[in-house]
Amino acid sequence: MDPEQALRRIAFLLEWEGASPYRVRAFHTAAEAVRGLPPGPVDADRVRRLPGIGPVTSEVIAQASAGRKPPYLARLEERAGPAASAGWDLLAAARGDCHLHSDWSDGGRPFEEMALAARDLGHDWAVLTDHSPRLTVAHGLSPERLREQLDAVAAWNARTGPFRLLTGIECDILEDGSLDQRPELLDRLDLVVASVHSKLRSEPGPMTARMLAAVRHPRTNVLGHCTGRIVTGRGRPPSRFDAEEVFTACAASGTAVEVNCRPERRDPPDDLLRLAAEAGCLFAVDTDAHAPDQLHWFTSGYARAARLGLGPERLVTTWPRERLLAWTGRTGA
């Protein structure tokens, strides 16, 4: 086990325990920092000079680089017990990511870089889901720009393989529950993530009606970060809605509930994640990545899914591309 693998496994086990998102993110940050280190033993004091490396992560790096299992990791494995091994197997089943952004909207890198980073993680596919027009603060895609992006993705896919970048959008759920993009363009996409980004403090009744209309829309495939909460910094409270009614509608319509892996979101919270599981929902473990290194956050979502006992049949992000497209109605696309 090299230092990066040790740090990623620690991040997974910390998420398994429900540790602070700051701690989880610290180990992912450290794992990214050591990717360029040459093989062989490194000194803890020297590696600590790297950006994003602290006293705990530097010791883990030094121990793993010398071929030893870090005691920090050993303690986490002991506390987690055999169940965590099943979670690691579930993580190994991951095949794709239904929610990532590029510099066409508010992401930091070109979609080509995001796709290659997803491929390098071992994914077979990923879905490009830049924002829709109404989210102007995120440089949402007008119909004209979305058409241009579809052409650009098609051209890129024609030059590469077997990895496939699927077409999609993170579509704003408008106040009346409709989706923020032209229907004929939604019909051209492989997958649609529908998310609420405005008026998050609405009363439960209107918010419930808004979400029900969206998850029942025939082109909605995934309900994104359903509560809109933020759990770090100043934070943001979750939206209030009838979760049982919304998740029942998701299960009935075949709309997957997103397990958003961003450390500041962890959305839905554990109680709602459990409620969605009991309702019989499908799930999409998504990073909502805005930069290539954030694609590694998928480990956190799988830790949460495994802790709940969810298996690959319930997680669309473990499905082969052909099965995913059959589910979204894009077989043969």
C-alpha atoms as a PDB file:
ATOM      1  CA  MET A   1       0.000   0.000   0.000  1.00  0.00           C
ATOM      2  CA  ASP A   2       1.588   3.271  -1.116  1.00  0.00           C
ATOM      3  CA  PRO A   3       1.047   6.615   0.694  1.00  0.00           C
ATOM      4  CA  GLU A   4      -1.774   7.751  -1.572  1.00  0.00           C
ATOM      5  CA  GLN A   5      -3.654   4.479  -1.123  1.00  0.00           C
ATOM      6  CA  ALA A   6      -3.208   4.648   2.656  1.00  0.00           C
ATOM      7  CA  LEU A   7      -4.501   8.223   2.791  1.00  0.00           C
ATOM      8  CA  ARG A   8      -7.523   7.423   0.602  1.00  0.00           C
ATOM      9  CA  ARG A   9      -8.369   4.388   2.722  1.00  0.00           C
ATOM     10  CA  ILE A  10      -8.177   6.507   5.869  1.00  0.00           C
ATOM     11  CA  ALA A  11     -10.527   9.069   4.284  1.00  0.00           C
ATOM     12  CA  PHE A  12     -12.959   6.250   3.451  1.00  0.00           C
ATOM     13  CA  LEU A  13     -12.887   4.877   6.995  1.00  0.00           C
ATOM     14  CA  LEU A  14     -13.276   8.319   8.540  1.00  0.00           C
ATOM     15  CA  GLU A  15     -16.394   8.824   6.417  1.00  0.00           C
ATOM     16  CA  TRP A  16     -17.544   5.371   7.490  1.00  0.00           C
ATOM     17  CA  GLU A  17     -17.345   6.589  11.101  1.00  0.00           C
ATOM     18  CA  GLY A  18     -19.098   9.867  10.302  1.00  0.00           C
ATOM     19  CA  ALA A  19     -16.032  11.930  11.239  1.00  0.00           C
ATOM     20  CA  SER A  20     -15.772  15.666  10.695  1.00  0.00           C
ATOM     21  CA  PRO A  21     -15.795  16.590   6.992  1.00  0.00           C
ATOM     22  CA  TYR A  22     -12.682  18.684   7.656  1.00  0.00           C
ATOM     23  CA  ARG A  23     -10.776  15.543   8.717  1.00  0.00           C
ATOM     24  CA  VAL A  24     -12.007  13.562   5.709  1.00  0.00           C
ATOM     25  CA  ARG A  25     -11.050  16.337   3.325  1.00  0.00           C
ATOM     26  CA  ALA A  26      -7.606  16.726   4.938  1.00  0.00           C
ATOM     27  CA  PHE A  27      -6.670  13.161   3.997  1.00  0.00           C
ATOM     28  CA  HIS A  28      -7.954  13.574   0.442  1.00  0.00           C
ATOM     29  CA  THR A  29      -5.915  16.790   0.152  1.00  0.00           C
ATOM     30  CA  ALA A  30      -2.810  15.028   1.425  1.00  0.00           C
ATOM     31  CA  ALA A  31      -3.362  12.139  -0.999  1.00  0.00           C
ATOM     32  CA  GLU A  32      -3.443  14.586  -3.882  1.00  0.00           C
ATOM     33  CA  ALA A  33      -0.255  16.254  -2.631  1.00  0.00           C
ATOM     34  CA  VAL A  34       1.782  13.011  -2.624  1.00  0.00           C
ATOM     35  CA  ARG A  35       0.797  11.775  -6.087  1.00  0.00           C
ATOM     36  CA  GLY A  36       4.033  13.100  -7.584  1.00  0.00           C
ATOM     37  CA  LEU A  37       6.385  11.684  -4.929  1.00  0.00           C
ATOM     38  CA  PRO A  38       8.945   9.167  -6.191  1.00  0.00           C
ATOM     39  CA  PRO A  39       8.651   5.626  -4.799  1.00  0.00           C
ATOM     40  CA  GLY A  40      10.613   4.705  -1.707  1.00  0.00           C
ATOM     41  CA  PRO A  41      10.865   5.926   1.891  1.00  0.00           C
ATOM     42  CA  VAL A  42      10.379   9.610   2.626  1.00  0.00           C
ATOM     43  CA  ASP A  43      11.079  11.543   5.792  1.00  0.00           C
ATOM     44  CA  ALA A  44       8.042  12.862   7.687  1.00  0.00           C
ATOM     45  CA  ASP A  45       9.662  16.246   8.350  1.00  0.00           C
ATOM     46  CA  ARG A  46      10.521  16.701   4.682  1.00  0.00           C
ATOM     47  CA  VAL A  47       7.121  15.709   3.352  1.00  0.00           C
ATOM     48  CA  ARG A  48       5.431  18.023   5.834  1.00  0.00           C
ATOM     49  CA  ARG A  49       6.784  20.977   3.849  1.00  0.00           C
ATOM     50  CA  LEU A  50       4.406  20.094   1.005  1.00  0.00           C
ATOM     51  CA  PRO A  51       1.207  22.175   0.807  1.00  0.00           C
ATOM     52  CA  GLY A  52      -1.738  20.459   2.456  1.00  0.00           C
ATOM     53  CA  ILE A  53       0.368  18.097   4.613  1.00  0.00           C
ATOM     54  CA  GLY A  54       0.053  18.241   8.403  1.00  0.00           C
ATOM     55  CA  PRO A  55       1.646  16.361  11.305  1.00  0.00           C
ATOM     56  CA  VAL A  56      -0.734  13.390  11.184  1.00  0.00           C
ATOM     57  CA  THR A  57      -0.755  12.965   7.413  1.00  0.00           C
ATOM     58  CA  SER A  58       3.037  13.355   7.218  1.00  0.00           C
ATOM     59  CA  GLU A  59       3.496  10.437   9.630  1.00  0.00           C
ATOM     60  CA  VAL A  60       1.074   8.301   7.616  1.00  0.00           C
ATOM     61  CA  ILE A  61       2.983   9.120   4.426  1.00  0.00           C
ATOM     62  CA  ALA A  62       6.355   8.298   5.961  1.00  0.00           C
ATOM     63  CA  GLN A  63       5.142   4.986   7.374  1.00  0.00           C
ATOM     64  CA  ALA A  64       3.378   3.869   4.192  1.00  0.00           C
ATOM     65  CA  SER A  65       6.328   4.902   1.989  1.00  0.00           C
ATOM     66  CA  ALA A  66       8.536   2.595   4.074  1.00  0.00           C
ATOM     67  CA  GLY A  67       6.195  -0.339   3.468  1.00  0.00           C
ATOM     68  CA  ARG A  68       4.575  -0.281   6.914  1.00  0.00           C
ATOM     69  CA  LYS A  69       0.865  -0.085   7.664  1.00  0.00           C
ATOM     70  CA  PRO A  70       0.315   3.252   9.436  1.00  0.00           C
ATOM     71  CA  PRO A  71      -0.955   2.715  13.018  1.00  0.00           C
ATOM     72  CA  TYR A  72      -3.572   5.415  12.383  1.00  0.00           C
ATOM     73  CA  LEU A  73      -5.022   3.277   9.572  1.00  0.00           C
ATOM     74  CA  ALA A  74      -4.761   0.082  11.644  1.00  0.00           C
ATOM     75  CA  ARG A  75      -6.789   1.658  14.467  1.00  0.00           C
ATOM     76  CA  LEU A  76      -9.510   2.788  12.068  1.00  0.00           C
ATOM     77  CA  GLU A  77      -9.706  -0.680  10.493  1.00  0.00           C
ATOM     78  CA  GLU A  78      -9.972  -2.300  13.913  1.00  0.00           C
ATOM     79  CA  ARG A  79     -12.783   0.020  14.958  1.00  0.00           C
ATOM     80  CA  ALA A  80     -14.673  -0.479  11.692  1.00  0.00           C
ATOM     81  CA  GLY A  81     -14.423  -4.263  11.792  1.00  0.00           C
ATOM     82  CA  PRO A  82     -15.268  -6.683   8.951  1.00  0.00           C
ATOM     83  CA  ALA A  83     -18.231  -4.605   7.723  1.00  0.00           C
ATOM     84  CA  ALA A  84     -15.871  -1.968   6.367  1.00  0.00           C
ATOM     85  CA  SER A  85     -14.285  -4.572   4.100  1.00  0.00           C
ATOM     86  CA  ALA A  86     -17.677  -5.052   2.447  1.00  0.00           C
ATOM     87  CA  GLY A  87     -17.763  -1.293   1.972  1.00  0.00           C
ATOM     88  CA  TRP A  88     -14.376  -1.391   0.273  1.00  0.00           C
ATOM     89  CA  ASP A  89     -15.724  -4.064  -2.094  1.00  0.00           C
ATOM     90  CA  LEU A  90     -18.664  -1.792  -2.924  1.00  0.00           C
ATOM     91  CA  LEU A  91     -16.275   1.052  -3.666  1.00  0.00           C
ATOM     92  CA  ALA A  92     -14.394  -1.232  -6.065  1.00  0.00           C
ATOM     93  CA  ALA A  93     -17.655  -1.735  -7.976  1.00  0.00           C
ATOM     94  CA  ALA A  94     -17.891   1.964  -8.940  1.00  0.00           C
ATOM     95  CA  ARG A  95     -18.145   2.457 -12.700  1.00  0.00           C
ATOM     96  CA  GLY A  96     -19.015   6.109 -13.160  1.00  0.00           C
ATOM     97  CA  ASP A  97     -20.090   9.500 -11.847  1.00  0.00           C
ATOM     98  CA  CYS A  98     -23.381  11.184 -12.784  1.00  0.00           C
ATOM     99  CA  HIS A  99     -22.499  14.732 -11.710  1.00  0.00           C
ATOM    100  CA  LEU A 100     -19.421  16.742 -12.637  1.00  0.00           C
ATOM    101  CA  HIS A 101     -18.764  20.271 -13.884  1.00  0.00           C
ATOM    102  CA  SER A 102     -16.320  21.877 -16.303  1.00  0.00           C
ATOM    103  CA  ASP A 103     -15.210  25.391 -17.146  1.00  0.00           C
ATOM    104  CA  TRP A 104     -18.191  25.651 -19.475  1.00  0.00           C
ATOM    105  CA  SER A 105     -20.103  26.646 -16.306  1.00  0.00           C
ATOM    106  CA  ASP A 106     -18.570  27.025 -12.826  1.00  0.00           C
ATOM    107  CA  GLY A 107     -15.990  24.232 -12.936  1.00  0.00           C
ATOM    108  CA  GLY A 108     -12.299  25.007 -12.910  1.00  0.00           C
ATOM    109  CA  ARG A 109     -11.000  22.839 -15.770  1.00  0.00           C
ATOM    110  CA  PRO A 110     -11.948  21.834 -19.339  1.00  0.00           C
ATOM    111  CA  PHE A 111     -14.283  18.867 -19.675  1.00  0.00           C
ATOM    112  CA  GLU A 112     -11.528  16.909 -21.413  1.00  0.00           C
ATOM    113  CA  GLU A 113      -9.389  17.058 -18.250  1.00  0.00           C
ATOM    114  CA  MET A 114     -12.326  16.077 -16.065  1.00  0.00           C
ATOM    115  CA  ALA A 115     -13.056  13.093 -18.308  1.00  0.00           C
ATOM    116  CA  LEU A 116      -9.452  11.898 -18.322  1.00  0.00           C
ATOM    117  CA  ALA A 117      -9.250  12.219 -14.535  1.00  0.00           C
ATOM    118  CA  ALA A 118     -12.412  10.103 -14.201  1.00  0.00           C
ATOM    119  CA  ARG A 119     -10.926   7.532 -16.572  1.00  0.00           C
ATOM    120  CA  ASP A 120      -7.692   7.436 -14.557  1.00  0.00           C
ATOM    121  CA  LEU A 121      -9.727   6.618 -11.436  1.00  0.00           C
ATOM    122  CA  GLY A 122     -10.880   3.465 -13.192  1.00  0.00           C
ATOM    123  CA  HIS A 123     -14.317   4.712 -14.220  1.00  0.00           C
ATOM    124  CA  ASP A 124     -15.817   3.486 -17.482  1.00  0.00           C
ATOM    125  CA  TRP A 125     -18.007   6.557 -17.939  1.00  0.00           C
ATOM    126  CA  ALA A 126     -18.866   9.928 -16.424  1.00  0.00           C
ATOM    127  CA  VAL A 127     -21.619  12.438 -17.106  1.00  0.00           C
ATOM    128  CA  LEU A 128     -20.854  16.083 -17.832  1.00  0.00           C
ATOM    129  CA  THR A 129     -23.532  18.091 -16.009  1.00  0.00           C
ATOM    130  CA  ASP A 130     -22.824  21.779 -16.290  1.00  0.00           C
ATOM    131  CA  HIS A 131     -25.438  24.198 -14.989  1.00  0.00           C
ATOM    132  CA  SER A 132     -28.611  25.343 -16.753  1.00  0.00           C
ATOM    133  CA  PRO A 133     -29.368  28.932 -17.923  1.00  0.00           C
ATOM    134  CA  ARG A 134     -31.125  30.426 -14.865  1.00  0.00           C
ATOM    135  CA  LEU A 135     -28.078  29.857 -12.638  1.00  0.00           C
ATOM    136  CA  THR A 136     -26.263  32.865 -14.049  1.00  0.00           C
ATOM    137  CA  VAL A 137     -23.891  33.064 -11.076  1.00  0.00           C
ATOM    138  CA  ALA A 138     -22.539  29.682 -12.242  1.00  0.00           C
ATOM    139  CA  HIS A 139     -22.408  30.740 -15.912  1.00  0.00           C
ATOM    140  CA  GLY A 140     -25.226  28.355 -16.776  1.00  0.00           C
ATOM    141  CA  LEU A 141     -25.489  27.072 -20.337  1.00  0.00           C
ATOM    142  CA  SER A 142     -27.898  28.815 -22.683  1.00  0.00           C
ATOM    143  CA  PRO A 143     -29.562  26.552 -25.272  1.00  0.00           C
ATOM    144  CA  GLU A 144     -27.019  27.738 -27.841  1.00  0.00           C
ATOM    145  CA  ARG A 145     -24.029  26.977 -25.621  1.00  0.00           C
ATOM    146  CA  LEU A 146     -25.452  23.579 -24.656  1.00  0.00           C
ATOM    147  CA  ARG A 147     -25.738  22.695 -28.351  1.00  0.00           C
ATOM    148  CA  GLU A 148     -22.096  23.707 -28.805  1.00  0.00           C
ATOM    149  CA  GLN A 149     -21.093  21.564 -25.853  1.00  0.00           C
ATOM    150  CA  LEU A 150     -22.957  18.545 -27.213  1.00  0.00           C
ATOM    151  CA  ASP A 151     -21.026  18.842 -30.466  1.00  0.00           C
ATOM    152  CA  ALA A 152     -17.723  19.252 -28.600  1.00  0.00           C
ATOM    153  CA  VAL A 153     -18.342  16.183 -26.421  1.00  0.00           C
ATOM    154  CA  ALA A 154     -19.340  14.100 -29.449  1.00  0.00           C
ATOM    155  CA  ALA A 155     -16.124  15.082 -31.215  1.00  0.00           C
ATOM    156  CA  TRP A 156     -14.030  14.245 -28.133  1.00  0.00           C
ATOM    157  CA  ASN A 157     -15.705  10.843 -27.703  1.00  0.00           C
ATOM    158  CA  ALA A 158     -15.017  10.058 -31.354  1.00  0.00           C
ATOM    159  CA  ARG A 159     -11.293  10.496 -30.717  1.00  0.00           C
ATOM    160  CA  THR A 160     -11.104   8.477 -27.487  1.00  0.00           C
ATOM    161  CA  GLY A 161     -12.199   5.169 -26.033  1.00  0.00           C
ATOM    162  CA  PRO A 162     -13.284   2.937 -24.508  1.00  0.00           C
ATOM    163  CA  PHE A 163     -14.058   5.470 -21.750  1.00  0.00           C
ATOM    164  CA  ARG A 164     -17.157   7.505 -22.627  1.00  0.00           C
ATOM    165  CA  LEU A 165     -18.105  11.013 -21.496  1.00  0.00           C
ATOM    166  CA  LEU A 166     -21.893  11.075 -21.422  1.00  0.00           C
ATOM    167  CA  THR A 167     -23.912  14.219 -22.041  1.00  0.00           C
ATOM    168  CA  GLY A 168     -25.995  15.748 -19.295  1.00  0.00           C
ATOM    169  CA  ILE A 169     -26.957  18.827 -17.344  1.00  0.00           C
ATOM    170  CA  GLU A 170     -27.549  19.876 -13.758  1.00  0.00           C
ATOM    171  CA  CYS A 171     -30.927  21.420 -14.407  1.00  0.00           C
ATOM    172  CA  ASP A 172     -32.334  23.991 -12.019  1.00  0.00           C
ATOM    173  CA  ILE A 173     -35.736  23.061 -10.590  1.00  0.00           C
ATOM    174  CA  LEU A 174     -37.788  26.197 -11.076  1.00  0.00           C
ATOM    175  CA  GLU A 175     -40.389  27.378  -8.565  1.00  0.00           C
ATOM    176  CA  ASP A 176     -43.228  25.588 -10.350  1.00  0.00           C
ATOM    177  CA  GLY A 177     -41.209  22.342 -10.500  1.00  0.00           C
ATOM    178  CA  SER A 178     -40.393  22.622 -14.194  1.00  0.00           C
ATOM    179  CA  LEU A 179     -36.880  22.092 -15.521  1.00  0.00           C
ATOM    180  CA  ASP A 180     -34.702  24.969 -16.656  1.00  0.00           C
ATOM    181  CA  GLN A 181     -33.901  23.944 -20.232  1.00  0.00           C
ATOM    182  CA  ARG A 182     -35.731  23.498 -23.518  1.00  0.00           C
ATOM    183  CA  PRO A 183     -37.503  20.122 -23.757  1.00  0.00           C
ATOM    184  CA  GLU A 184     -35.966  19.285 -27.135  1.00  0.00           C
ATOM    185  CA  LEU A 185     -32.489  19.710 -25.642  1.00  0.00           C
ATOM    186  CA  LEU A 186     -33.307  17.634 -22.563  1.00  0.00           C
ATOM    187  CA  ASP A 187     -34.371  14.885 -24.976  1.00  0.00           C
ATOM    188  CA  ARG A 188     -30.890  14.923 -26.542  1.00  0.00           C
ATOM    189  CA  LEU A 189     -29.066  14.373 -23.239  1.00  0.00           C
ATOM    190  CA  ASP A 190     -27.965  11.038 -21.826  1.00  0.00           C
ATOM    191  CA  LEU A 191     -28.816  11.992 -18.234  1.00  0.00           C
ATOM    192  CA  VAL A 192     -30.433  14.865 -16.318  1.00  0.00           C
ATOM    193  CA  VAL A 193     -29.677  15.802 -12.716  1.00  0.00           C
ATOM    194  CA  ALA A 194     -32.394  18.090 -11.324  1.00  0.00           C
ATOM    195  CA  SER A 195     -31.488  20.280  -8.330  1.00  0.00           C
ATOM    196  CA  VAL A 196     -32.990  23.133  -6.338  1.00  0.00           C
ATOM    197  CA  HIS A 197     -30.653  26.143  -6.175  1.00  0.00           C
ATOM    198  CA  SER A 198     -33.015  29.015  -5.353  1.00  0.00           C
ATOM    199  CA  LYS A 199     -35.423  29.910  -2.534  1.00  0.00           C
ATOM    200  CA  LEU A 200     -34.041  27.102  -0.387  1.00  0.00           C
ATOM    201  CA  ARG A 201     -35.836  28.508   2.673  1.00  0.00           C
ATOM    202  CA  SER A 202     -39.305  28.088   1.161  1.00  0.00           C
ATOM    203  CA  GLU A 203     -42.100  26.697   3.311  1.00  0.00           C
ATOM    204  CA  PRO A 204     -42.352  22.875   3.302  1.00  0.00           C
ATOM    205  CA  GLY A 205     -45.576  22.748   1.279  1.00  0.00           C
ATOM    206  CA  PRO A 206     -44.377  24.689  -1.778  1.00  0.00           C
ATOM    207  CA  MET A 207     -40.954  23.053  -1.640  1.00  0.00           C
ATOM    208  CA  THR A 208     -42.496  19.579  -1.549  1.00  0.00           C
ATOM    209  CA  ALA A 209     -44.759  20.354  -4.506  1.00  0.00           C
ATOM    210  CA  ARG A 210     -41.807  21.785  -6.425  1.00  0.00           C
ATOM    211  CA  MET A 211     -39.675  18.704  -5.861  1.00  0.00           C
ATOM    212  CA  LEU A 212     -42.505  16.264  -6.611  1.00  0.00           C
ATOM    213  CA  ALA A 213     -43.108  17.871  -9.984  1.00  0.00           C
ATOM    214  CA  ALA A 214     -39.409  17.666 -10.815  1.00  0.00           C
ATOM    215  CA  VAL A 215     -38.789  14.038  -9.794  1.00  0.00           C
ATOM    216  CA  ARG A 216     -41.885  12.956 -11.734  1.00  0.00           C
ATOM    217  CA  HIS A 217     -40.734  14.770 -14.870  1.00  0.00           C
ATOM    218  CA  PRO A 218     -40.043  12.140 -17.549  1.00  0.00           C
ATOM    219  CA  ARG A 219     -36.577  13.562 -18.275  1.00  0.00           C
ATOM    220  CA  THR A 220     -35.378  13.740 -14.661  1.00  0.00           C
ATOM    221  CA  ASN A 221     -33.011  10.880 -13.837  1.00  0.00           C
ATOM    222  CA  VAL A 222     -31.330  12.020 -10.620  1.00  0.00           C
ATOM    223  CA  LEU A 223     -32.501  14.297  -7.788  1.00  0.00           C
ATOM    224  CA  GLY A 224     -29.378  16.292  -6.905  1.00  0.00           C
ATOM    225  CA  HIS A 225     -28.296  17.314  -3.347  1.00  0.00           C
ATOM    226  CA  CYS A 226     -31.895  17.183  -2.174  1.00  0.00           C
ATOM    227  CA  THR A 227     -31.694  19.361   0.973  1.00  0.00           C
ATOM    228  CA  GLY A 228     -29.195  21.929  -0.299  1.00  0.00           C
ATOM    229  CA  ARG A 229     -27.513  21.972   3.104  1.00  0.00           C
ATOM    230  CA  ILE A 230     -23.927  23.071   3.808  1.00  0.00           C
ATOM    231  CA  VAL A 231     -22.255  21.562   6.880  1.00  0.00           C
ATOM    232  CA  THR A 232     -18.941  23.448   6.938  1.00  0.00           C
ATOM    233  CA  GLY A 233     -18.016  27.077   7.579  1.00  0.00           C
ATOM    234  CA  ARG A 234     -21.020  29.244   8.338  1.00  0.00           C
ATOM    235  CA  GLY A 235     -23.167  26.443   6.987  1.00  0.00           C
ATOM    236  CA  ARG A 236     -26.646  26.439   5.512  1.00  0.00           C
ATOM    237  CA  PRO A 237     -29.628  24.618   7.007  1.00  0.00           C
ATOM    238  CA  PRO A 238     -31.390  21.942   4.967  1.00  0.00           C
ATOM    239  CA  SER A 239     -34.509  22.794   3.015  1.00  0.00           C
ATOM    240  CA  ARG A 240     -37.760  21.687   4.596  1.00  0.00           C
ATOM    241  CA  PHE A 241     -39.980  19.321   2.613  1.00  0.00           C
ATOM    242  CA  ASP A 242     -41.954  16.105   3.051  1.00  0.00           C
ATOM    243  CA  ALA A 243     -39.060  13.731   2.482  1.00  0.00           C
ATOM    244  CA  GLU A 244     -41.179  10.588   2.723  1.00  0.00           C
ATOM    245  CA  GLU A 245     -43.502  11.845  -0.030  1.00  0.00           C
ATOM    246  CA  VAL A 246     -40.623  12.956  -2.258  1.00  0.00           C
ATOM    247  CA  PHE A 247     -38.676   9.710  -1.878  1.00  0.00           C
ATOM    248  CA  THR A 248     -41.808   7.635  -2.466  1.00  0.00           C
ATOM    249  CA  ALA A 249     -42.276   9.562  -5.713  1.00  0.00           C
ATOM    250  CA  CYS A 250     -38.623   8.972  -6.642  1.00  0.00           C
ATOM    251  CA  ALA A 251     -39.025   5.233  -6.112  1.00  0.00           C
ATOM    252  CA  ALA A 252     -42.238   5.152  -8.139  1.00  0.00           C
ATOM    253  CA  SER A 253     -40.801   7.122 -11.059  1.00  0.00           C
ATOM    254  CA  GLY A 254     -37.363   5.473 -11.049  1.00  0.00           C
ATOM    255  CA  THR A 255     -35.591   8.737 -10.217  1.00  0.00           C
ATOM    256  CA  ALA A 256     -32.346   8.117  -8.329  1.00  0.00           C
ATOM    257  CA  VAL A 257     -31.536  10.071  -5.179  1.00  0.00           C
ATOM    258  CA  GLU A 258     -28.060  11.543  -5.274  1.00  0.00           C
ATOM    259  CA  VAL A 259     -25.569  10.762  -2.521  1.00  0.00           C
ATOM    260  CA  ASN A 260     -23.589  13.965  -2.918  1.00  0.00           C
ATOM    261  CA  CYS A 261     -19.960  13.362  -1.948  1.00  0.00           C
ATOM    262  CA  ARG A 262     -18.816  16.966  -1.508  1.00  0.00           C
ATOM    263  CA  PRO A 263     -17.441  17.230   2.063  1.00  0.00           C
ATOM    264  CA  GLU A 264     -19.344  20.455   2.686  1.00  0.00           C
ATOM    265  CA  ARG A 265     -22.650  18.870   1.644  1.00  0.00           C
ATOM    266  CA  ARG A 266     -22.952  15.215   2.726  1.00  0.00           C
ATOM    267  CA  ASP A 267     -26.402  15.455   1.249  1.00  0.00           C
ATOM    268  CA  PRO A 268     -28.793  13.874   2.056  1.00  0.00           C
ATOM    269  CA  PRO A 269     -28.046  13.607   5.778  1.00  0.00           C
ATOM    270  CA  ASP A 270     -28.029  10.120   7.278  1.00  0.00           C
ATOM    271  CA  ASP A 271     -31.640  10.136   8.474  1.00  0.00           C
ATOM    272  CA  LEU A 272     -32.957  11.085   5.033  1.00  0.00           C
ATOM    273  CA  LEU A 273     -30.584   8.688   3.302  1.00  0.00           C
ATOM    274  CA  ARG A 274     -32.024   5.911   5.444  1.00  0.00           C
ATOM    275  CA  LEU A 275     -35.570   7.057   4.659  1.00  0.00           C
ATOM    276  CA  ALA A 276     -34.836   7.008   0.919  1.00  0.00           C
ATOM    277  CA  ALA A 277     -33.394   3.500   1.237  1.00  0.00           C
ATOM    278  CA  GLU A 278     -36.503   2.308   3.078  1.00  0.00           C
ATOM    279  CA  ALA A 279     -38.670   3.862   0.343  1.00  0.00           C
ATOM    280  CA  GLY A 280     -36.934   1.641  -2.227  1.00  0.00           C
ATOM    281  CA  CYS A 281     -35.092   4.387  -4.087  1.00  0.00           C
ATOM    282  CA  LEU A 282     -32.198   3.983  -6.464  1.00  0.00           C
ATOM    283  CA  PHE A 283     -29.118   6.085  -5.691  1.00  0.00           C
ATOM    284  CA  ALA A 284     -26.340   7.836  -7.607  1.00  0.00           C
ATOM    285  CA  VAL A 285     -23.069   8.293  -5.716  1.00  0.00           C
ATOM    286  CA  ASP A 286     -21.849  11.553  -7.247  1.00  0.00           C
ATOM    287  CA  THR A 287     -18.893  13.810  -6.560  1.00  0.00           C
ATOM    288  CA  ASP A 288     -20.374  17.056  -7.934  1.00  0.00           C
ATOM    289  CA  ALA A 289     -16.716  17.669  -8.822  1.00  0.00           C
ATOM    290  CA  HIS A 290     -15.611  21.079 -10.083  1.00  0.00           C
ATOM    291  CA  ALA A 291     -11.930  20.100 -10.454  1.00  0.00           C
ATOM    292  CA  PRO A 292     -10.136  16.824 -11.290  1.00  0.00           C
ATOM    293  CA  ASP A 293      -8.850  16.153  -7.759  1.00  0.00           C
ATOM    294  CA  GLN A 294     -12.411  16.356  -6.396  1.00  0.00           C
ATOM    295  CA  LEU A 295     -13.368  13.226  -8.319  1.00  0.00           C
ATOM    296  CA  HIS A 296     -11.611  11.272  -5.565  1.00  0.00           C
ATOM    297  CA  TRP A 297     -14.391  12.231  -3.178  1.00  0.00           C
ATOM    298  CA  PHE A 298     -16.493   9.358  -4.511  1.00  0.00           C
ATOM    299  CA  THR A 299     -14.995   7.181  -1.758  1.00  0.00           C
ATOM    300  CA  SER A 300     -16.957   9.141   0.852  1.00  0.00           C
ATOM    301  CA  GLY A 301     -20.301   8.490  -0.808  1.00  0.00           C
ATOM    302  CA  TYR A 302     -19.632   4.780  -1.089  1.00  0.00           C
ATOM    303  CA  ALA A 303     -18.682   4.630   2.583  1.00  0.00           C
ATOM    304  CA  ARG A 304     -22.060   6.111   3.474  1.00  0.00           C
ATOM    305  CA  ALA A 305     -23.915   3.803   1.085  1.00  0.00           C
ATOM    306  CA  ALA A 306     -22.127   0.727   2.415  1.00  0.00           C
ATOM    307  CA  ARG A 307     -22.805   1.700   6.015  1.00  0.00           C
ATOM    308  CA  LEU A 308     -26.515   1.647   5.147  1.00  0.00           C
ATOM    309  CA  GLY A 309     -26.205  -1.771   3.537  1.00  0.00           C
ATOM    310  CA  LEU A 310     -26.904  -0.605  -0.021  1.00  0.00           C
ATOM    311  CA  GLY A 311     -25.623  -2.915  -2.740  1.00  0.00           C
ATOM    312  CA  PRO A 312     -24.668  -2.408  -6.397  1.00  0.00           C
ATOM    313  CA  GLU A 313     -28.198  -3.116  -7.635  1.00  0.00           C
ATOM    314  CA  ARG A 314     -29.383   0.073  -5.918  1.00  0.00           C
ATOM    315  CA  LEU A 315     -26.432   2.242  -7.014  1.00  0.00           C
ATOM    316  CA  VAL A 316     -26.650   3.352 -10.657  1.00  0.00           C
ATOM    317  CA  THR A 317     -23.027   4.550 -10.513  1.00  0.00           C
ATOM    318  CA  THR A 318     -21.918   0.902 -10.288  1.00  0.00           C
ATOM    319  CA  TRP A 319     -23.787  -0.044 -13.466  1.00  0.00           C
ATOM    320  CA  PRO A 320     -22.167  -0.617 -16.860  1.00  0.00           C
ATOM    321  CA  ARG A 321     -22.767   2.187 -19.332  1.00  0.00           C
ATOM    322  CA  GLU A 322     -25.238   0.168 -21.406  1.00  0.00           C
ATOM    323  CA  ARG A 323     -27.405  -0.531 -18.366  1.00  0.00           C
ATOM    324  CA  LEU A 324     -27.252   3.090 -17.250  1.00  0.00           C
ATOM    325  CA  LEU A 325     -28.375   4.312 -20.680  1.00  0.00           C
ATOM    326  CA  ALA A 326     -31.171   1.756 -20.787  1.00  0.00           C
ATOM    327  CA  TRP A 327     -32.364   3.139 -17.434  1.00  0.00           C
ATOM    328  CA  THR A 328     -32.260   6.751 -18.662  1.00  0.00           C
ATOM    329  CA  GLY A 329     -34.010   5.772 -21.890  1.00  0.00           C
ATOM    330  CA  ARG A 330     -30.964   6.421 -24.070  1.00  0.00           C
ATOM    331  CA  THR A 331     -30.255   2.864 -25.263  1.00  0.00           C
ATOM    332  CA  GLY A 332     -28.432   3.072 -28.553  1.00  0.00           C
ATOM    333  CA  ALA A 333     -27.542   6.745 -28.079  1.00  0.00           C
END
